N, C-alpha and C. Protein backbone atom coordinates (compact mmCIF):
# COMPACT_ATOMS: atom_id res chain seq x y z
N MET A 1 3.10 -3.08 38.32
CA MET A 1 2.52 -2.98 36.99
C MET A 1 3.03 -4.12 36.10
N ASP A 2 4.18 -4.71 36.41
CA ASP A 2 4.71 -5.79 35.59
C ASP A 2 3.79 -7.01 35.61
N ASN A 3 3.00 -7.18 36.66
CA ASN A 3 2.13 -8.34 36.78
C ASN A 3 0.75 -8.11 36.16
N PHE A 4 0.51 -6.92 35.61
CA PHE A 4 -0.79 -6.60 35.04
C PHE A 4 -0.99 -7.37 33.74
N LYS A 5 -2.13 -8.02 33.61
CA LYS A 5 -2.45 -8.78 32.39
C LYS A 5 -3.83 -8.35 31.91
N PHE A 6 -3.97 -8.25 30.59
CA PHE A 6 -5.28 -7.97 30.01
C PHE A 6 -6.06 -9.26 29.90
N ASP A 7 -7.38 -9.14 30.00
CA ASP A 7 -8.20 -10.34 29.78
C ASP A 7 -8.16 -10.71 28.30
N GLU A 8 -8.64 -11.88 27.98
CA GLU A 8 -8.55 -12.40 26.61
C GLU A 8 -9.24 -11.50 25.59
N ALA A 9 -10.41 -10.98 25.94
CA ALA A 9 -11.16 -10.12 25.02
C ALA A 9 -10.38 -8.83 24.73
N THR A 10 -9.77 -8.25 25.76
CA THR A 10 -9.00 -7.02 25.59
C THR A 10 -7.75 -7.30 24.75
N GLN A 11 -7.09 -8.42 25.00
CA GLN A 11 -5.92 -8.78 24.21
C GLN A 11 -6.27 -8.94 22.73
N LYS A 12 -7.42 -9.58 22.48
CA LYS A 12 -7.87 -9.77 21.10
C LYS A 12 -8.19 -8.43 20.45
N GLU A 13 -8.84 -7.55 21.20
CA GLU A 13 -9.18 -6.22 20.68
C GLU A 13 -7.91 -5.42 20.37
N LEU A 14 -6.92 -5.48 21.25
CA LEU A 14 -5.66 -4.78 21.03
C LEU A 14 -4.91 -5.35 19.81
N THR A 15 -4.92 -6.66 19.68
CA THR A 15 -4.27 -7.30 18.54
C THR A 15 -4.93 -6.87 17.24
N THR A 16 -6.25 -6.87 17.22
CA THR A 16 -6.99 -6.45 16.03
C THR A 16 -6.69 -4.98 15.70
N PHE A 17 -6.67 -4.14 16.73
CA PHE A 17 -6.37 -2.72 16.53
C PHE A 17 -4.98 -2.54 15.94
N LEU A 18 -3.99 -3.23 16.51
CA LEU A 18 -2.62 -3.12 16.01
C LEU A 18 -2.49 -3.62 14.58
N GLU A 19 -3.17 -4.71 14.25
CA GLU A 19 -3.13 -5.23 12.88
C GLU A 19 -3.72 -4.22 11.90
N ARG A 20 -4.83 -3.59 12.29
CA ARG A 20 -5.45 -2.58 11.43
C ARG A 20 -4.52 -1.38 11.24
N GLU A 21 -3.90 -0.94 12.31
CA GLU A 21 -2.99 0.20 12.23
C GLU A 21 -1.77 -0.12 11.36
N GLN A 22 -1.24 -1.33 11.49
CA GLN A 22 -0.11 -1.74 10.67
C GLN A 22 -0.50 -1.82 9.20
N ALA A 23 -1.70 -2.34 8.93
CA ALA A 23 -2.19 -2.41 7.55
C ALA A 23 -2.35 -1.01 6.98
N GLN A 24 -2.89 -0.08 7.78
CA GLN A 24 -3.06 1.30 7.32
C GLN A 24 -1.70 1.94 7.05
N ALA A 25 -0.72 1.66 7.89
CA ALA A 25 0.62 2.21 7.68
C ALA A 25 1.22 1.67 6.39
N ARG A 26 1.00 0.38 6.10
CA ARG A 26 1.51 -0.20 4.85
C ARG A 26 0.83 0.44 3.64
N ILE A 27 -0.47 0.66 3.74
CA ILE A 27 -1.20 1.30 2.64
C ILE A 27 -0.67 2.71 2.42
N ASN A 28 -0.50 3.47 3.51
CA ASN A 28 0.02 4.83 3.38
C ASN A 28 1.41 4.84 2.75
N SER A 29 2.25 3.92 3.15
CA SER A 29 3.60 3.82 2.60
C SER A 29 3.55 3.49 1.11
N THR A 30 2.68 2.56 0.74
CA THR A 30 2.54 2.18 -0.67
C THR A 30 2.06 3.35 -1.51
N VAL A 31 1.06 4.07 -1.01
CA VAL A 31 0.54 5.23 -1.74
C VAL A 31 1.63 6.29 -1.89
N HIS A 32 2.39 6.52 -0.83
CA HIS A 32 3.47 7.50 -0.89
C HIS A 32 4.51 7.09 -1.93
N ASN A 33 4.92 5.82 -1.90
CA ASN A 33 5.91 5.34 -2.86
C ASN A 33 5.39 5.41 -4.29
N LEU A 34 4.13 5.01 -4.47
CA LEU A 34 3.52 5.05 -5.79
C LEU A 34 3.46 6.48 -6.31
N THR A 35 3.01 7.39 -5.47
CA THR A 35 2.91 8.79 -5.87
C THR A 35 4.27 9.34 -6.26
N SER A 36 5.26 9.09 -5.45
CA SER A 36 6.61 9.59 -5.71
C SER A 36 7.18 9.00 -7.00
N MET A 37 7.07 7.68 -7.14
CA MET A 37 7.62 7.01 -8.31
C MET A 37 6.95 7.50 -9.60
N CYS A 38 5.63 7.50 -9.62
CA CYS A 38 4.91 7.90 -10.84
C CYS A 38 5.09 9.38 -11.14
N TRP A 39 5.13 10.21 -10.11
CA TRP A 39 5.33 11.64 -10.32
C TRP A 39 6.69 11.89 -10.95
N ASP A 40 7.73 11.26 -10.37
CA ASP A 40 9.09 11.44 -10.89
C ASP A 40 9.20 10.94 -12.33
N LYS A 41 8.50 9.87 -12.64
CA LYS A 41 8.58 9.29 -13.98
C LYS A 41 7.81 10.11 -15.01
N CYS A 42 6.66 10.63 -14.62
CA CYS A 42 5.72 11.19 -15.60
C CYS A 42 5.67 12.71 -15.68
N VAL A 43 5.93 13.39 -14.61
CA VAL A 43 5.80 14.85 -14.62
C VAL A 43 7.19 15.42 -14.87
N THR A 44 7.37 15.91 -16.09
CA THR A 44 8.70 16.32 -16.52
C THR A 44 8.95 17.81 -16.38
N GLY A 45 7.90 18.58 -16.31
CA GLY A 45 8.06 20.03 -16.22
C GLY A 45 7.52 20.55 -14.89
N THR A 46 7.44 21.84 -14.80
CA THR A 46 6.87 22.47 -13.62
C THR A 46 5.36 22.34 -13.69
N PRO A 47 4.73 21.79 -12.64
CA PRO A 47 3.28 21.61 -12.69
C PRO A 47 2.55 22.95 -12.75
N GLY A 48 1.52 22.97 -13.55
CA GLY A 48 0.66 24.14 -13.66
C GLY A 48 -0.75 23.76 -13.26
N SER A 49 -1.72 24.41 -13.85
CA SER A 49 -3.11 24.10 -13.53
C SER A 49 -3.56 22.81 -14.22
N ARG A 50 -2.81 22.38 -15.22
CA ARG A 50 -3.10 21.14 -15.94
C ARG A 50 -1.79 20.41 -16.22
N PHE A 51 -1.91 19.08 -16.40
CA PHE A 51 -0.74 18.31 -16.77
C PHE A 51 -0.39 18.58 -18.23
N ALA A 52 0.89 18.50 -18.55
CA ALA A 52 1.33 18.65 -19.93
C ALA A 52 0.86 17.44 -20.73
N ARG A 53 0.93 17.58 -22.05
CA ARG A 53 0.50 16.51 -22.94
C ARG A 53 1.26 15.21 -22.61
N GLY A 54 0.54 14.16 -22.41
CA GLY A 54 1.14 12.87 -22.12
C GLY A 54 1.33 12.58 -20.64
N GLU A 55 1.42 13.61 -19.81
CA GLU A 55 1.66 13.37 -18.38
C GLU A 55 0.49 12.64 -17.71
N GLU A 56 -0.72 13.06 -18.05
CA GLU A 56 -1.89 12.43 -17.43
C GLU A 56 -1.99 10.96 -17.79
N SER A 57 -1.82 10.64 -19.07
CA SER A 57 -1.90 9.22 -19.46
C SER A 57 -0.73 8.44 -18.88
N CYS A 58 0.43 9.04 -18.78
CA CYS A 58 1.58 8.38 -18.16
C CYS A 58 1.26 8.06 -16.70
N LEU A 59 0.70 9.02 -15.98
CA LEU A 59 0.35 8.80 -14.57
C LEU A 59 -0.68 7.67 -14.43
N LEU A 60 -1.70 7.68 -15.28
CA LEU A 60 -2.71 6.64 -15.22
C LEU A 60 -2.11 5.27 -15.51
N ASN A 61 -1.28 5.18 -16.54
CA ASN A 61 -0.63 3.91 -16.86
C ASN A 61 0.31 3.45 -15.76
N CYS A 62 1.03 4.38 -15.19
CA CYS A 62 1.97 4.05 -14.11
C CYS A 62 1.21 3.46 -12.91
N VAL A 63 0.14 4.10 -12.52
CA VAL A 63 -0.67 3.61 -11.39
C VAL A 63 -1.27 2.25 -11.73
N ASP A 64 -1.81 2.11 -12.93
CA ASP A 64 -2.40 0.83 -13.33
C ASP A 64 -1.37 -0.30 -13.29
N ARG A 65 -0.18 -0.07 -13.82
CA ARG A 65 0.85 -1.11 -13.82
C ARG A 65 1.30 -1.42 -12.40
N PHE A 66 1.41 -0.41 -11.57
CA PHE A 66 1.81 -0.63 -10.18
C PHE A 66 0.77 -1.49 -9.46
N MET A 67 -0.51 -1.18 -9.68
CA MET A 67 -1.59 -1.95 -9.04
C MET A 67 -1.62 -3.38 -9.58
N ASP A 68 -1.45 -3.54 -10.89
CA ASP A 68 -1.41 -4.88 -11.48
C ASP A 68 -0.29 -5.71 -10.87
N THR A 69 0.87 -5.10 -10.75
CA THR A 69 2.03 -5.80 -10.18
C THR A 69 1.78 -6.16 -8.72
N SER A 70 1.24 -5.22 -7.96
CA SER A 70 0.96 -5.48 -6.54
C SER A 70 -0.04 -6.63 -6.37
N LEU A 71 -1.10 -6.63 -7.16
CA LEU A 71 -2.09 -7.70 -7.08
C LEU A 71 -1.49 -9.04 -7.48
N PHE A 72 -0.64 -9.05 -8.51
CA PHE A 72 0.03 -10.27 -8.94
C PHE A 72 0.90 -10.83 -7.81
N ILE A 73 1.65 -9.96 -7.16
CA ILE A 73 2.52 -10.39 -6.06
C ILE A 73 1.69 -10.95 -4.91
N ILE A 74 0.61 -10.28 -4.56
CA ILE A 74 -0.25 -10.74 -3.46
C ILE A 74 -0.84 -12.12 -3.79
N LYS A 75 -1.35 -12.28 -5.01
CA LYS A 75 -1.93 -13.57 -5.40
C LYS A 75 -0.87 -14.67 -5.41
N THR A 76 0.33 -14.34 -5.84
CA THR A 76 1.41 -15.33 -5.87
C THR A 76 1.76 -15.77 -4.44
N ILE A 77 1.88 -14.81 -3.54
CA ILE A 77 2.21 -15.13 -2.14
C ILE A 77 1.09 -15.96 -1.51
N GLU A 78 -0.16 -15.57 -1.77
CA GLU A 78 -1.30 -16.34 -1.22
C GLU A 78 -1.29 -17.76 -1.77
N GLY A 79 -0.98 -17.91 -3.05
CA GLY A 79 -0.92 -19.24 -3.64
C GLY A 79 0.17 -20.08 -3.02
N GLN A 80 1.32 -19.48 -2.76
CA GLN A 80 2.41 -20.21 -2.11
C GLN A 80 2.04 -20.62 -0.68
N ARG A 81 1.37 -19.72 0.02
CA ARG A 81 0.94 -20.05 1.40
C ARG A 81 -0.05 -21.20 1.41
N SER A 82 -0.99 -21.18 0.46
CA SER A 82 -2.00 -22.25 0.44
C SER A 82 -1.37 -23.60 0.05
N GLN A 83 -0.34 -23.57 -0.78
CA GLN A 83 0.36 -24.82 -1.14
C GLN A 83 1.16 -25.37 0.03
N GLN A 84 1.65 -24.51 0.90
CA GLN A 84 2.43 -24.93 2.05
C GLN A 84 1.54 -25.53 3.14
N SER A 85 0.27 -25.15 3.15
CA SER A 85 -0.65 -25.63 4.20
C SER A 85 -1.12 -27.03 3.94
């Protein structure tokens, strides 16, 4: 079995699959971290059927700022990569 090799098309398909799975894992991790961070910051009491006054807007602002920051970081990294090329 050590000598078994996949053909080029299968290797490419496996690489693409692994890249997609890794991207999905990163997204899931980001959503988990975002949820935890914003929940801890904004939800101060015991959750009921509705958020307390200010909690909903705090959650929305927290998510918006997190997304703004993430997009800024991505654009900065992409800009650095393009300058290096």
